[in-house]
Amino acid sequence: MMTAKSTFFNNGNAADLLAGLHSSCFSKGWSKRNFQQLLRQPGTFAQILEEADNPVAFSLYQVAIEEAEILTIGVLPEVRGRSYGHILLQQGEKYLFTKGVIRLLLEVSATNIPAIRLYEKRQFKKIGTRKNYYRESGKKVDAIIMDKKLL
């Protein structure tokens, strides 16, 4: 595998690309307008991971002083299993730390076992649950809240 590289930005210029990536990763993709609105908010920025100049993964973060939350994260289905999620998080965590972030939070569907395993490998710990937070295939599913110290 070649070296994957992240680009970080906090403007809406890549909202089209982000919306396309999100729609490829999730059944209910966010729109270009969703990404434009989120990226206008102070402390919000996106990360796109590229391999050989091709976008393969993305994340969107919201930073508030020393904490950040992953708002959404995805790896294209056709390249899953190639460690892009790990690389994305590794590079994102380094970048966040340079910005003064010492704690990173996220929430994930209790049914998303591959994502939970990835987060656990990256040393995220479960800190709580939001009961019936997601609706998947007509059923309510809990969200697991996780965090990691970036020290």
C-alpha atoms as a PDB file:
ATOM      1  CA  MET A   1       0.000   0.000   0.000  1.00  0.00           C
ATOM      2  CA  MET A   2       1.227   3.485  -0.829  1.00  0.00           C
ATOM      3  CA  THR A   3       1.232   6.264   1.724  1.00  0.00           C
ATOM      4  CA  ALA A   4      -2.180   7.807   2.319  1.00  0.00           C
ATOM      5  CA  LYS A   5      -2.215  11.531   2.995  1.00  0.00           C
ATOM      6  CA  SER A   6      -4.765  13.714   4.776  1.00  0.00           C
ATOM      7  CA  THR A   7      -5.878  17.198   3.845  1.00  0.00           C
ATOM      8  CA  PHE A   8      -7.598  19.336   6.497  1.00  0.00           C
ATOM      9  CA  PHE A   9      -9.779  22.355   5.793  1.00  0.00           C
ATOM     10  CA  ASN A  10     -12.485  24.483   7.396  1.00  0.00           C
ATOM     11  CA  ASN A  11     -14.317  25.962   4.456  1.00  0.00           C
ATOM     12  CA  GLY A  12     -17.105  24.701   2.241  1.00  0.00           C
ATOM     13  CA  ASN A  13     -15.001  24.392  -0.920  1.00  0.00           C
ATOM     14  CA  ALA A  14     -15.040  20.597  -0.793  1.00  0.00           C
ATOM     15  CA  ALA A  15     -18.692  20.260   0.233  1.00  0.00           C
ATOM     16  CA  ASP A  16     -19.521  18.504  -3.062  1.00  0.00           C
ATOM     17  CA  LEU A  17     -16.750  15.969  -2.541  1.00  0.00           C
ATOM     18  CA  LEU A  18     -17.735  15.391   1.094  1.00  0.00           C
ATOM     19  CA  ALA A  19     -21.394  14.911   0.177  1.00  0.00           C
ATOM     20  CA  GLY A  20     -20.432  12.404  -2.509  1.00  0.00           C
ATOM     21  CA  LEU A  21     -18.166  10.474  -0.141  1.00  0.00           C
ATOM     22  CA  HIS A  22     -20.814  10.488   2.588  1.00  0.00           C
ATOM     23  CA  SER A  23     -23.500   9.226   0.183  1.00  0.00           C
ATOM     24  CA  SER A  24     -21.168   6.431  -0.934  1.00  0.00           C
ATOM     25  CA  CYS A  25     -20.584   5.369   2.679  1.00  0.00           C
ATOM     26  CA  PHE A  26     -24.086   5.695   4.150  1.00  0.00           C
ATOM     27  CA  SER A  27     -27.613   4.950   2.990  1.00  0.00           C
ATOM     28  CA  LYS A  28     -28.785   8.399   4.118  1.00  0.00           C
ATOM     29  CA  GLY A  29     -26.029  10.663   2.844  1.00  0.00           C
ATOM     30  CA  TRP A  30     -25.676  14.275   3.894  1.00  0.00           C
ATOM     31  CA  SER A  31     -26.106  16.926   1.214  1.00  0.00           C
ATOM     32  CA  LYS A  32     -23.633  19.493  -0.056  1.00  0.00           C
ATOM     33  CA  ARG A  33     -25.681  22.099   1.799  1.00  0.00           C
ATOM     34  CA  ASN A  34     -25.384  20.100   5.060  1.00  0.00           C
ATOM     35  CA  PHE A  35     -21.608  20.137   4.755  1.00  0.00           C
ATOM     36  CA  GLN A  36     -21.507  23.828   3.792  1.00  0.00           C
ATOM     37  CA  GLN A  37     -23.582  24.731   6.854  1.00  0.00           C
ATOM     38  CA  LEU A  38     -21.500  22.610   9.203  1.00  0.00           C
ATOM     39  CA  LEU A  39     -18.198  23.943   7.881  1.00  0.00           C
ATOM     40  CA  ARG A  40     -19.404  27.521   8.480  1.00  0.00           C
ATOM     41  CA  GLN A  41     -19.644  26.808  12.206  1.00  0.00           C
ATOM     42  CA  PRO A  42     -16.627  27.914  14.245  1.00  0.00           C
ATOM     43  CA  GLY A  43     -14.326  25.042  15.138  1.00  0.00           C
ATOM     44  CA  THR A  44     -15.646  22.679  12.466  1.00  0.00           C
ATOM     45  CA  PHE A  45     -13.282  21.232   9.899  1.00  0.00           C
ATOM     46  CA  ALA A  46     -13.044  18.307   7.527  1.00  0.00           C
ATOM     47  CA  GLN A  47     -10.354  15.764   6.759  1.00  0.00           C
ATOM     48  CA  ILE A  48     -10.075  13.902   3.469  1.00  0.00           C
ATOM     49  CA  LEU A  49      -7.719  10.951   3.170  1.00  0.00           C
ATOM     50  CA  GLU A  50      -6.316  10.317  -0.291  1.00  0.00           C
ATOM     51  CA  GLU A  51      -4.399   7.397  -1.736  1.00  0.00           C
ATOM     52  CA  ALA A  52      -2.700   8.121  -5.079  1.00  0.00           C
ATOM     53  CA  ASP A  53      -4.766  11.344  -5.362  1.00  0.00           C
ATOM     54  CA  ASN A  54      -8.035   9.432  -4.947  1.00  0.00           C
ATOM     55  CA  PRO A  55     -10.248  10.225  -1.930  1.00  0.00           C
ATOM     56  CA  VAL A  56     -10.793   7.037   0.072  1.00  0.00           C
ATOM     57  CA  ALA A  57     -12.026   8.282   3.474  1.00  0.00           C
ATOM     58  CA  PHE A  58     -13.199  11.398   5.289  1.00  0.00           C
ATOM     59  CA  SER A  59     -14.124  12.788   8.678  1.00  0.00           C
ATOM     60  CA  LEU A  60     -15.746  15.909  10.044  1.00  0.00           C
ATOM     61  CA  TYR A  61     -14.746  17.308  13.442  1.00  0.00           C
ATOM     62  CA  GLN A  62     -16.156  19.945  15.797  1.00  0.00           C
ATOM     63  CA  VAL A  63     -13.551  21.451  18.143  1.00  0.00           C
ATOM     64  CA  ALA A  64     -14.426  23.277  21.362  1.00  0.00           C
ATOM     65  CA  ILE A  65     -11.364  24.434  23.304  1.00  0.00           C
ATOM     66  CA  GLU A  66      -9.544  21.222  24.383  1.00  0.00           C
ATOM     67  CA  GLU A  67     -12.176  18.751  23.167  1.00  0.00           C
ATOM     68  CA  ALA A  68     -13.271  17.621  19.725  1.00  0.00           C
ATOM     69  CA  GLU A  69     -16.073  15.414  18.487  1.00  0.00           C
ATOM     70  CA  ILE A  70     -16.147  13.330  15.345  1.00  0.00           C
ATOM     71  CA  LEU A  71     -19.404  14.374  13.681  1.00  0.00           C
ATOM     72  CA  THR A  72     -19.140  11.847  10.866  1.00  0.00           C
ATOM     73  CA  ILE A  73     -16.497   9.543   9.498  1.00  0.00           C
ATOM     74  CA  GLY A  74     -16.471   7.143   6.587  1.00  0.00           C
ATOM     75  CA  VAL A  75     -14.348   4.895   4.413  1.00  0.00           C
ATOM     76  CA  LEU A  76     -15.515   4.071   0.902  1.00  0.00           C
ATOM     77  CA  PRO A  77     -17.037   0.561   0.847  1.00  0.00           C
ATOM     78  CA  GLU A  78     -14.768  -0.655  -1.956  1.00  0.00           C
ATOM     79  CA  VAL A  79     -11.592   0.047   0.074  1.00  0.00           C
ATOM     80  CA  ARG A  80     -12.708  -1.066   3.532  1.00  0.00           C
ATOM     81  CA  GLY A  81     -10.389  -3.521   5.233  1.00  0.00           C
ATOM     82  CA  ARG A  82      -7.234  -1.740   3.983  1.00  0.00           C
ATOM     83  CA  SER A  83      -6.544   0.191   7.224  1.00  0.00           C
ATOM     84  CA  TYR A  84      -7.761   3.531   5.850  1.00  0.00           C
ATOM     85  CA  GLY A  85      -9.978   4.079   8.899  1.00  0.00           C
ATOM     86  CA  HIS A  86      -6.991   3.551  11.167  1.00  0.00           C
ATOM     87  CA  ILE A  87      -4.805   5.890   9.083  1.00  0.00           C
ATOM     88  CA  LEU A  88      -7.562   8.510   8.961  1.00  0.00           C
ATOM     89  CA  LEU A  89      -7.940   8.486  12.744  1.00  0.00           C
ATOM     90  CA  GLN A  90      -4.191   8.390  13.367  1.00  0.00           C
ATOM     91  CA  GLN A  91      -3.573  11.449  11.175  1.00  0.00           C
ATOM     92  CA  GLY A  92      -6.681  13.209  12.497  1.00  0.00           C
ATOM     93  CA  GLU A  93      -5.651  12.674  16.119  1.00  0.00           C
ATOM     94  CA  LYS A  94      -2.162  14.077  15.433  1.00  0.00           C
ATOM     95  CA  TYR A  95      -3.649  17.121  13.728  1.00  0.00           C
ATOM     96  CA  LEU A  96      -6.143  17.712  16.545  1.00  0.00           C
ATOM     97  CA  PHE A  97      -3.388  17.461  19.143  1.00  0.00           C
ATOM     98  CA  THR A  98      -1.406  20.186  17.333  1.00  0.00           C
ATOM     99  CA  LYS A  99      -4.517  22.367  17.663  1.00  0.00           C
ATOM    100  CA  GLY A 100      -4.604  21.892  21.451  1.00  0.00           C
ATOM    101  CA  VAL A 101      -7.210  19.120  21.592  1.00  0.00           C
ATOM    102  CA  ILE A 102      -6.609  16.645  24.420  1.00  0.00           C
ATOM    103  CA  ARG A 103      -9.893  14.693  24.323  1.00  0.00           C
ATOM    104  CA  LEU A 104     -11.690  13.244  21.294  1.00  0.00           C
ATOM    105  CA  LEU A 105     -15.307  12.024  21.485  1.00  0.00           C
ATOM    106  CA  LEU A 106     -17.578  10.129  19.135  1.00  0.00           C
ATOM    107  CA  GLU A 107     -20.783   8.165  19.036  1.00  0.00           C
ATOM    108  CA  VAL A 108     -21.352   5.027  17.037  1.00  0.00           C
ATOM    109  CA  SER A 109     -24.291   2.723  16.440  1.00  0.00           C
ATOM    110  CA  ALA A 110     -24.209  -0.309  18.716  1.00  0.00           C
ATOM    111  CA  THR A 111     -24.717  -2.424  15.579  1.00  0.00           C
ATOM    112  CA  ASN A 112     -21.621  -1.053  13.797  1.00  0.00           C
ATOM    113  CA  ILE A 113     -19.212  -3.700  15.058  1.00  0.00           C
ATOM    114  CA  PRO A 114     -16.392  -2.989  12.540  1.00  0.00           C
ATOM    115  CA  ALA A 115     -16.333   0.691  13.586  1.00  0.00           C
ATOM    116  CA  ILE A 116     -16.436  -0.180  17.287  1.00  0.00           C
ATOM    117  CA  ARG A 117     -13.480  -2.555  16.804  1.00  0.00           C
ATOM    118  CA  LEU A 118     -11.547   0.170  14.965  1.00  0.00           C
ATOM    119  CA  TYR A 119     -12.180   2.688  17.745  1.00  0.00           C
ATOM    120  CA  GLU A 120     -11.162   0.194  20.402  1.00  0.00           C
ATOM    121  CA  LYS A 121      -7.920  -0.522  18.502  1.00  0.00           C
ATOM    122  CA  ARG A 122      -7.294   3.238  18.530  1.00  0.00           C
ATOM    123  CA  GLN A 123      -7.764   3.165  22.357  1.00  0.00           C
ATOM    124  CA  PHE A 124     -11.214   4.768  22.492  1.00  0.00           C
ATOM    125  CA  LYS A 125     -13.150   3.764  25.614  1.00  0.00           C
ATOM    126  CA  LYS A 126     -16.913   3.452  26.049  1.00  0.00           C
ATOM    127  CA  ILE A 127     -18.166   6.182  28.395  1.00  0.00           C
ATOM    128  CA  GLY A 128     -21.922   5.987  27.909  1.00  0.00           C
ATOM    129  CA  THR A 129     -24.952   4.993  25.867  1.00  0.00           C
ATOM    130  CA  ARG A 130     -27.772   6.953  24.260  1.00  0.00           C
ATOM    131  CA  LYS A 131     -30.765   4.638  24.264  1.00  0.00           C
ATOM    132  CA  ASN A 132     -32.698   4.312  20.994  1.00  0.00           C
ATOM    133  CA  TYR A 133     -30.657   7.101  19.374  1.00  0.00           C
ATOM    134  CA  TYR A 134     -30.505   5.751  15.814  1.00  0.00           C
ATOM    135  CA  ARG A 135     -33.205   4.310  13.595  1.00  0.00           C
ATOM    136  CA  GLU A 136     -31.899   1.472  11.443  1.00  0.00           C
ATOM    137  CA  SER A 137     -34.140  -0.634   9.225  1.00  0.00           C
ATOM    138  CA  GLY A 138     -37.172   0.593  11.125  1.00  0.00           C
ATOM    139  CA  LYS A 139     -35.743  -0.337  14.538  1.00  0.00           C
ATOM    140  CA  LYS A 140     -34.350   1.884  17.266  1.00  0.00           C
ATOM    141  CA  VAL A 141     -30.678   1.276  18.047  1.00  0.00           C
ATOM    142  CA  ASP A 142     -28.499   2.576  20.869  1.00  0.00           C
ATOM    143  CA  ALA A 143     -25.555   4.890  20.292  1.00  0.00           C
ATOM    144  CA  ILE A 144     -22.354   4.085  22.128  1.00  0.00           C
ATOM    145  CA  ILE A 145     -20.446   7.168  23.282  1.00  0.00           C
ATOM    146  CA  MET A 146     -16.670   6.782  23.302  1.00  0.00           C
ATOM    147  CA  ASP A 147     -13.715   9.003  24.088  1.00  0.00           C
ATOM    148  CA  LYS A 148      -9.931   9.028  23.926  1.00  0.00           C
ATOM    149  CA  LYS A 149      -7.296  11.195  25.570  1.00  0.00           C
ATOM    150  CA  LEU A 150      -4.841  12.658  23.063  1.00  0.00           C
ATOM    151  CA  LEU A 151      -1.799  12.994  25.311  1.00  0.00           C
END
